[in-house]
């Protein structure tokens, strides 16, 4: 039996949940992106208390490693690593885009059934600067078709994928893509903002396979250098 604490502070909406065997027992979320650092520790204590679980019973901590907000990624990773060091338990990391794709696929399974969901492609998008997004492309089995990258959107982006498949776009970057894309095979899902419960399901599988990250070397996945505009 696995009891895993799951943390996501990669995007605008942060979420924390405690899960047993992948089933979420308690969850908290926050849409105040600037407050993720001060919010996360109280949120952790609240979900543990609600679930009736003490910290020493947690068997692993899972965290979205990125891409996403630079500050948010550091908050989540530092919190996860600190807990793992203190409790002497393993760390599980997963790419934010894959977790978003998982969440979108779960919604499609409920809406359209397993056959249609399996035939779709899934394209999570995290809003970056201007017309840029962090994105990737996955098939219905969540196998990587296009690796995670920082990409500037143009009308022809994903043309080949859309010509051959129904593609489900999701995440904070999907809104600006929707203004560019007129292809009839484009679908949109708006449920990829609270990621901790989806991370919990992925983390359970990784825990059973003992696919843990190295505590000493695990770090955020930024995909591109930090940009700062300095006024002269």
C-alpha atoms as a PDB file:
ATOM      1  CA  UNK A   1       0.000   0.000   0.000  1.00  0.00           C
ATOM      2  CA  UNK A   2       1.371   3.409  -0.990  1.00  0.00           C
ATOM      3  CA  UNK A   3       0.699   6.727   0.714  1.00  0.00           C
ATOM      4  CA  UNK A   4       2.128   9.516  -1.429  1.00  0.00           C
ATOM      5  CA  UNK A   5       2.126  13.280  -0.976  1.00  0.00           C
ATOM      6  CA  UNK A   6       1.740  14.995  -4.362  1.00  0.00           C
ATOM      7  CA  UNK A   7       2.834  18.587  -5.030  1.00  0.00           C
ATOM      8  CA  UNK A   8       2.301  20.813  -8.056  1.00  0.00           C
ATOM      9  CA  UNK A   9       3.347  24.470  -8.096  1.00  0.00           C
ATOM     10  CA  UNK A  10       4.437  24.575 -11.736  1.00  0.00           C
ATOM     11  CA  UNK A  11       1.580  26.663 -13.120  1.00  0.00           C
ATOM     12  CA  UNK A  12      -0.866  29.399 -12.133  1.00  0.00           C
ATOM     13  CA  UNK A  13      -2.935  27.031  -9.976  1.00  0.00           C
ATOM     14  CA  UNK A  14      -0.980  25.164  -7.320  1.00  0.00           C
ATOM     15  CA  UNK A  15      -2.359  21.953  -5.847  1.00  0.00           C
ATOM     16  CA  UNK A  16      -1.430  19.500  -3.123  1.00  0.00           C
ATOM     17  CA  UNK A  17      -3.009  16.150  -2.362  1.00  0.00           C
ATOM     18  CA  UNK A  18      -2.422  13.087  -0.251  1.00  0.00           C
ATOM     19  CA  UNK A  19      -3.290   9.815  -1.966  1.00  0.00           C
ATOM     20  CA  UNK A  20      -3.486   6.166  -1.003  1.00  0.00           C
ATOM     21  CA  UNK A  21      -3.004   3.726  -3.888  1.00  0.00           C
ATOM     22  CA  UNK A  22      -3.507   6.639  -6.301  1.00  0.00           C
ATOM     23  CA  UNK A  23      -6.859   7.632  -4.790  1.00  0.00           C
ATOM     24  CA  UNK A  24      -6.929  11.207  -3.528  1.00  0.00           C
ATOM     25  CA  UNK A  25      -7.967  11.416   0.125  1.00  0.00           C
ATOM     26  CA  UNK A  26      -7.680  15.184   0.549  1.00  0.00           C
ATOM     27  CA  UNK A  27      -6.659  18.080  -1.685  1.00  0.00           C
ATOM     28  CA  UNK A  28      -6.034  21.815  -1.560  1.00  0.00           C
ATOM     29  CA  UNK A  29      -5.493  24.265  -4.425  1.00  0.00           C
ATOM     30  CA  UNK A  30      -4.569  27.929  -4.811  1.00  0.00           C
ATOM     31  CA  UNK A  31      -4.869  30.297  -7.764  1.00  0.00           C
ATOM     32  CA  UNK A  32      -2.635  32.959  -6.189  1.00  0.00           C
ATOM     33  CA  UNK A  33       0.561  32.224  -8.120  1.00  0.00           C
ATOM     34  CA  UNK A  34       2.673  34.780  -6.235  1.00  0.00           C
ATOM     35  CA  UNK A  35       1.747  33.112  -2.934  1.00  0.00           C
ATOM     36  CA  UNK A  36       2.704  29.519  -3.788  1.00  0.00           C
ATOM     37  CA  UNK A  37       5.742  29.639  -1.470  1.00  0.00           C
ATOM     38  CA  UNK A  38       3.779  30.740   1.601  1.00  0.00           C
ATOM     39  CA  UNK A  39       0.756  28.597   0.740  1.00  0.00           C
ATOM     40  CA  UNK A  40       2.317  25.181   0.238  1.00  0.00           C
ATOM     41  CA  UNK A  41       3.388  24.244   3.781  1.00  0.00           C
ATOM     42  CA  UNK A  42       0.024  25.045   5.423  1.00  0.00           C
ATOM     43  CA  UNK A  43      -1.729  23.240   2.563  1.00  0.00           C
ATOM     44  CA  UNK A  44       0.343  20.111   3.181  1.00  0.00           C
ATOM     45  CA  UNK A  45      -0.563  20.096   6.861  1.00  0.00           C
ATOM     46  CA  UNK A  46      -4.244  20.621   6.040  1.00  0.00           C
ATOM     47  CA  UNK A  47      -4.490  17.665   3.648  1.00  0.00           C
ATOM     48  CA  UNK A  48      -2.657  15.395   6.084  1.00  0.00           C
ATOM     49  CA  UNK A  49      -4.985  16.410   8.907  1.00  0.00           C
ATOM     50  CA  UNK A  50      -8.103  15.977   6.775  1.00  0.00           C
ATOM     51  CA  UNK A  51      -6.985  12.525   5.619  1.00  0.00           C
ATOM     52  CA  UNK A  52      -6.042  11.470   9.141  1.00  0.00           C
ATOM     53  CA  UNK A  53      -2.458  10.754   8.118  1.00  0.00           C
ATOM     54  CA  UNK A  54       0.635  11.798  10.026  1.00  0.00           C
ATOM     55  CA  UNK A  55       3.721  12.943   8.155  1.00  0.00           C
ATOM     56  CA  UNK A  56       5.820   9.966   9.221  1.00  0.00           C
ATOM     57  CA  UNK A  57       3.380   7.616   7.451  1.00  0.00           C
ATOM     58  CA  UNK A  58       4.004   9.227   4.051  1.00  0.00           C
ATOM     59  CA  UNK A  59       6.022   6.804   1.925  1.00  0.00           C
ATOM     60  CA  UNK A  60       7.080   9.101  -0.935  1.00  0.00           C
ATOM     61  CA  UNK A  61       6.718  12.654  -2.222  1.00  0.00           C
ATOM     62  CA  UNK A  62       5.881  13.313  -5.865  1.00  0.00           C
ATOM     63  CA  UNK A  63       6.331  16.680  -7.583  1.00  0.00           C
ATOM     64  CA  UNK A  64       5.854  18.164 -11.039  1.00  0.00           C
ATOM     65  CA  UNK A  65       9.405  18.964 -12.136  1.00  0.00           C
ATOM     66  CA  UNK A  66       8.555  21.330 -14.990  1.00  0.00           C
ATOM     67  CA  UNK A  67       8.306  23.051 -17.292  1.00  0.00           C
ATOM     68  CA  UNK A  68       6.348  25.911 -15.786  1.00  0.00           C
ATOM     69  CA  UNK A  69       6.835  28.985 -13.652  1.00  0.00           C
ATOM     70  CA  UNK A  70      10.502  29.378 -12.674  1.00  0.00           C
ATOM     71  CA  UNK A  71       9.686  30.404  -9.113  1.00  0.00           C
ATOM     72  CA  UNK A  72       6.893  27.866  -8.794  1.00  0.00           C
ATOM     73  CA  UNK A  73       9.115  25.007  -9.920  1.00  0.00           C
ATOM     74  CA  UNK A  74      11.762  25.928  -7.356  1.00  0.00           C
ATOM     75  CA  UNK A  75       9.136  26.105  -4.600  1.00  0.00           C
ATOM     76  CA  UNK A  76       7.735  22.675  -5.403  1.00  0.00           C
ATOM     77  CA  UNK A  77      11.093  20.967  -5.865  1.00  0.00           C
ATOM     78  CA  UNK A  78      12.650  22.473  -2.732  1.00  0.00           C
ATOM     79  CA  UNK A  79       9.621  21.495  -0.649  1.00  0.00           C
ATOM     80  CA  UNK A  80       9.560  17.946  -2.000  1.00  0.00           C
ATOM     81  CA  UNK A  81      13.292  17.405  -1.545  1.00  0.00           C
ATOM     82  CA  UNK A  82      13.249  18.878   1.951  1.00  0.00           C
ATOM     83  CA  UNK A  83      10.492  16.497   3.030  1.00  0.00           C
ATOM     84  CA  UNK A  84      12.233  13.513   1.454  1.00  0.00           C
ATOM     85  CA  UNK A  85      15.539  14.324   3.168  1.00  0.00           C
ATOM     86  CA  UNK A  86      13.840  14.808   6.525  1.00  0.00           C
ATOM     87  CA  UNK A  87      11.632  11.721   6.345  1.00  0.00           C
ATOM     88  CA  UNK A  88      14.200   9.576   4.507  1.00  0.00           C
ATOM     89  CA  UNK A  89      11.691   8.613   1.823  1.00  0.00           C
ATOM     90  CA  UNK A  90      11.995   8.521  -1.988  1.00  0.00           C
ATOM     91  CA  UNK A  91      11.346  11.409  -4.362  1.00  0.00           C
ATOM     92  CA  UNK A  92       9.225  10.953  -7.493  1.00  0.00           C
ATOM     93  CA  UNK A  93       9.355  13.558 -10.259  1.00  0.00           C
ATOM     94  CA  UNK A  94       7.290  13.826 -13.417  1.00  0.00           C
ATOM     95  CA  UNK A  95       7.161  16.239 -16.341  1.00  0.00           C
ATOM     96  CA  UNK A  96       4.355  18.790 -15.933  1.00  0.00           C
ATOM     97  CA  UNK A  97       3.247  18.395 -19.556  1.00  0.00           C
ATOM     98  CA  UNK A  98       2.812  14.639 -19.208  1.00  0.00           C
ATOM     99  CA  UNK A  99       0.677  15.130 -16.098  1.00  0.00           C
ATOM    100  CA  UNK A 100      -1.459  17.647 -18.019  1.00  0.00           C
ATOM    101  CA  UNK A 101      -1.862  15.169 -20.886  1.00  0.00           C
ATOM    102  CA  UNK A 102      -2.862  12.472 -18.400  1.00  0.00           C
ATOM    103  CA  UNK A 103      -5.549  14.766 -16.944  1.00  0.00           C
ATOM    104  CA  UNK A 104      -6.891  15.606 -20.412  1.00  0.00           C
ATOM    105  CA  UNK A 105      -6.987  11.938 -21.405  1.00  0.00           C
ATOM    106  CA  UNK A 106      -8.869  11.025 -18.226  1.00  0.00           C
ATOM    107  CA  UNK A 107     -11.523  13.594 -19.090  1.00  0.00           C
ATOM    108  CA  UNK A 108     -11.815  12.291 -22.647  1.00  0.00           C
ATOM    109  CA  UNK A 109     -12.200   8.736 -21.337  1.00  0.00           C
ATOM    110  CA  UNK A 110     -15.217   9.889 -19.341  1.00  0.00           C
ATOM    111  CA  UNK A 111     -16.679  11.914 -22.194  1.00  0.00           C
ATOM    112  CA  UNK A 112     -16.040   9.794 -25.268  1.00  0.00           C
ATOM    113  CA  UNK A 113     -15.075   6.300 -24.108  1.00  0.00           C
ATOM    114  CA  UNK A 114     -11.812   4.390 -24.237  1.00  0.00           C
ATOM    115  CA  UNK A 115     -11.680   3.816 -28.001  1.00  0.00           C
ATOM    116  CA  UNK A 116     -12.055   7.478 -28.999  1.00  0.00           C
ATOM    117  CA  UNK A 117      -9.724   8.652 -26.225  1.00  0.00           C
ATOM    118  CA  UNK A 118      -7.069   6.159 -27.323  1.00  0.00           C
ATOM    119  CA  UNK A 119      -7.160   7.435 -30.911  1.00  0.00           C
ATOM    120  CA  UNK A 120      -6.655  11.080 -29.936  1.00  0.00           C
ATOM    121  CA  UNK A 121      -3.391  12.929 -29.580  1.00  0.00           C
ATOM    122  CA  UNK A 122      -2.885  15.129 -26.529  1.00  0.00           C
ATOM    123  CA  UNK A 123      -1.127  18.483 -26.637  1.00  0.00           C
ATOM    124  CA  UNK A 124      -0.648  20.222 -23.274  1.00  0.00           C
ATOM    125  CA  UNK A 125       0.371  23.895 -23.421  1.00  0.00           C
ATOM    126  CA  UNK A 126       1.739  26.120 -20.680  1.00  0.00           C
ATOM    127  CA  UNK A 127       1.624  29.826 -21.483  1.00  0.00           C
ATOM    128  CA  UNK A 128       5.089  31.353 -21.737  1.00  0.00           C
ATOM    129  CA  UNK A 129       5.975  34.794 -23.098  1.00  0.00           C
ATOM    130  CA  UNK A 130       4.118  36.442 -26.009  1.00  0.00           C
ATOM    131  CA  UNK A 131       3.118  33.682 -28.486  1.00  0.00           C
ATOM    132  CA  UNK A 132       5.415  31.107 -26.905  1.00  0.00           C
ATOM    133  CA  UNK A 133       4.284  28.026 -25.018  1.00  0.00           C
ATOM    134  CA  UNK A 134       5.865  25.050 -23.322  1.00  0.00           C
ATOM    135  CA  UNK A 135       4.326  22.112 -25.118  1.00  0.00           C
ATOM    136  CA  UNK A 136       4.637  18.474 -26.170  1.00  0.00           C
ATOM    137  CA  UNK A 137       2.578  15.914 -28.052  1.00  0.00           C
ATOM    138  CA  UNK A 138       1.471  12.501 -26.767  1.00  0.00           C
ATOM    139  CA  UNK A 139      -0.531   9.648 -28.239  1.00  0.00           C
ATOM    140  CA  UNK A 140      -3.487   7.955 -26.536  1.00  0.00           C
ATOM    141  CA  UNK A 141      -1.133   5.755 -24.542  1.00  0.00           C
ATOM    142  CA  UNK A 142       0.749   8.886 -23.419  1.00  0.00           C
ATOM    143  CA  UNK A 143       3.782   7.901 -25.445  1.00  0.00           C
ATOM    144  CA  UNK A 144       5.826  10.915 -26.497  1.00  0.00           C
ATOM    145  CA  UNK A 145       5.262  11.971 -30.119  1.00  0.00           C
ATOM    146  CA  UNK A 146       6.940  15.367 -29.835  1.00  0.00           C
ATOM    147  CA  UNK A 147       9.286  15.966 -26.888  1.00  0.00           C
ATOM    148  CA  UNK A 148       8.712  18.863 -24.474  1.00  0.00           C
ATOM    149  CA  UNK A 149       9.922  22.143 -25.937  1.00  0.00           C
ATOM    150  CA  UNK A 150       9.476  25.908 -25.837  1.00  0.00           C
ATOM    151  CA  UNK A 151       7.637  26.697 -29.060  1.00  0.00           C
ATOM    152  CA  UNK A 152       6.449  29.901 -30.753  1.00  0.00           C
ATOM    153  CA  UNK A 153       2.955  29.269 -32.093  1.00  0.00           C
ATOM    154  CA  UNK A 154       2.138  29.879 -35.743  1.00  0.00           C
ATOM    155  CA  UNK A 155      -1.007  28.974 -37.746  1.00  0.00           C
ATOM    156  CA  UNK A 156       0.786  26.019 -39.333  1.00  0.00           C
ATOM    157  CA  UNK A 157       1.984  24.555 -36.021  1.00  0.00           C
ATOM    158  CA  UNK A 158       0.721  20.975 -35.515  1.00  0.00           C
ATOM    159  CA  UNK A 159      -0.642  20.940 -39.097  1.00  0.00           C
ATOM    160  CA  UNK A 160       0.497  17.379 -39.785  1.00  0.00           C
ATOM    161  CA  UNK A 161      -0.850  16.049 -36.494  1.00  0.00           C
ATOM    162  CA  UNK A 162      -4.203  17.751 -37.037  1.00  0.00           C
ATOM    163  CA  UNK A 163      -4.488  16.466 -40.599  1.00  0.00           C
ATOM    164  CA  UNK A 164      -4.175  12.889 -39.376  1.00  0.00           C
ATOM    165  CA  UNK A 165      -5.674  12.883 -35.881  1.00  0.00           C
ATOM    166  CA  UNK A 166      -8.084  14.549 -33.522  1.00  0.00           C
ATOM    167  CA  UNK A 167      -5.847  16.544 -31.172  1.00  0.00           C
ATOM    168  CA  UNK A 168      -6.922  17.580 -27.688  1.00  0.00           C
ATOM    169  CA  UNK A 169      -5.263  20.836 -26.597  1.00  0.00           C
ATOM    170  CA  UNK A 170      -5.208  21.728 -22.923  1.00  0.00           C
ATOM    171  CA  UNK A 171      -3.594  24.116 -20.463  1.00  0.00           C
ATOM    172  CA  UNK A 172      -3.038  27.833 -20.025  1.00  0.00           C
ATOM    173  CA  UNK A 173      -1.433  28.207 -23.464  1.00  0.00           C
ATOM    174  CA  UNK A 174      -4.330  26.622 -25.335  1.00  0.00           C
ATOM    175  CA  UNK A 175      -6.318  29.860 -25.294  1.00  0.00           C
ATOM    176  CA  UNK A 176      -3.964  31.779 -27.553  1.00  0.00           C
ATOM    177  CA  UNK A 177      -3.575  28.728 -29.794  1.00  0.00           C
ATOM    178  CA  UNK A 178      -7.361  28.587 -30.179  1.00  0.00           C
ATOM    179  CA  UNK A 179      -7.271  32.043 -31.778  1.00  0.00           C
ATOM    180  CA  UNK A 180      -4.805  30.769 -34.407  1.00  0.00           C
ATOM    181  CA  UNK A 181      -6.153  27.293 -35.071  1.00  0.00           C
ATOM    182  CA  UNK A 182      -9.242  26.786 -37.242  1.00  0.00           C
ATOM    183  CA  UNK A 183      -8.722  23.094 -37.962  1.00  0.00           C
ATOM    184  CA  UNK A 184     -11.841  20.929 -37.434  1.00  0.00           C
ATOM    185  CA  UNK A 185      -9.807  18.208 -35.705  1.00  0.00           C
ATOM    186  CA  UNK A 186      -8.827  20.492 -32.804  1.00  0.00           C
ATOM    187  CA  UNK A 187     -10.481  19.827 -29.447  1.00  0.00           C
ATOM    188  CA  UNK A 188      -9.983  21.686 -26.169  1.00  0.00           C
ATOM    189  CA  UNK A 189     -10.011  20.544 -22.552  1.00  0.00           C
ATOM    190  CA  UNK A 190     -10.046  22.950 -19.621  1.00  0.00           C
ATOM    191  CA  UNK A 191      -9.305  20.562 -16.756  1.00  0.00           C
ATOM    192  CA  UNK A 192      -5.501  20.617 -16.712  1.00  0.00           C
ATOM    193  CA  UNK A 193      -5.151  23.248 -13.982  1.00  0.00           C
ATOM    194  CA  UNK A 194      -5.405  21.133 -10.802  1.00  0.00           C
ATOM    195  CA  UNK A 195      -2.713  18.535 -11.400  1.00  0.00           C
ATOM    196  CA  UNK A 196      -1.985  16.925  -8.012  1.00  0.00           C
ATOM    197  CA  UNK A 197      -4.681  14.188  -8.293  1.00  0.00           C
ATOM    198  CA  UNK A 198      -3.441  13.201 -11.775  1.00  0.00           C
ATOM    199  CA  UNK A 199       0.140  13.256 -10.525  1.00  0.00           C
ATOM    200  CA  UNK A 200      -0.978  10.937  -7.712  1.00  0.00           C
ATOM    201  CA  UNK A 201      -2.118   8.287 -10.193  1.00  0.00           C
ATOM    202  CA  UNK A 202       1.121   8.468 -12.176  1.00  0.00           C
ATOM    203  CA  UNK A 203       3.238   8.504  -9.020  1.00  0.00           C
ATOM    204  CA  UNK A 204       1.602   5.331  -7.713  1.00  0.00           C
ATOM    205  CA  UNK A 205       2.768   3.426 -10.776  1.00  0.00           C
ATOM    206  CA  UNK A 206       6.266   4.844 -10.502  1.00  0.00           C
ATOM    207  CA  UNK A 207       6.357   3.991  -6.784  1.00  0.00           C
ATOM    208  CA  UNK A 208       5.447   0.360  -7.472  1.00  0.00           C
ATOM    209  CA  UNK A 209       8.160   0.216 -10.139  1.00  0.00           C
ATOM    210  CA  UNK A 210      10.599   1.923  -7.748  1.00  0.00           C
ATOM    211  CA  UNK A 211      11.342   4.606 -10.333  1.00  0.00           C
ATOM    212  CA  UNK A 212      12.675   7.241  -7.962  1.00  0.00           C
ATOM    213  CA  UNK A 213      14.659  10.405  -8.648  1.00  0.00           C
ATOM    214  CA  UNK A 214      18.075  11.060  -7.177  1.00  0.00           C
ATOM    215  CA  UNK A 215      17.603  13.428  -4.246  1.00  0.00           C
ATOM    216  CA  UNK A 216      21.018  14.988  -4.707  1.00  0.00           C
ATOM    217  CA  UNK A 217      20.673  15.745  -8.404  1.00  0.00           C
ATOM    218  CA  UNK A 218      16.950  16.159  -9.088  1.00  0.00           C
ATOM    219  CA  UNK A 219      16.059  19.676 -10.184  1.00  0.00           C
ATOM    220  CA  UNK A 220      13.467  21.688 -12.095  1.00  0.00           C
ATOM    221  CA  UNK A 221      13.055  21.245 -15.854  1.00  0.00           C
ATOM    222  CA  UNK A 222      12.997  24.804 -17.225  1.00  0.00           C
ATOM    223  CA  UNK A 223      13.298  24.149 -21.012  1.00  0.00           C
ATOM    224  CA  UNK A 224      14.644  27.665 -21.557  1.00  0.00           C
ATOM    225  CA  UNK A 225      16.683  30.290 -19.766  1.00  0.00           C
ATOM    226  CA  UNK A 226      15.037  32.706 -17.340  1.00  0.00           C
ATOM    227  CA  UNK A 227      14.018  35.973 -18.979  1.00  0.00           C
ATOM    228  CA  UNK A 228      14.135  39.238 -17.059  1.00  0.00           C
ATOM    229  CA  UNK A 229      13.423  42.685 -18.473  1.00  0.00           C
ATOM    230  CA  UNK A 230      15.660  45.259 -16.791  1.00  0.00           C
ATOM    231  CA  UNK A 231      14.657  48.881 -17.100  1.00  0.00           C
ATOM    232  CA  UNK A 232      17.460  51.274 -17.955  1.00  0.00           C
END
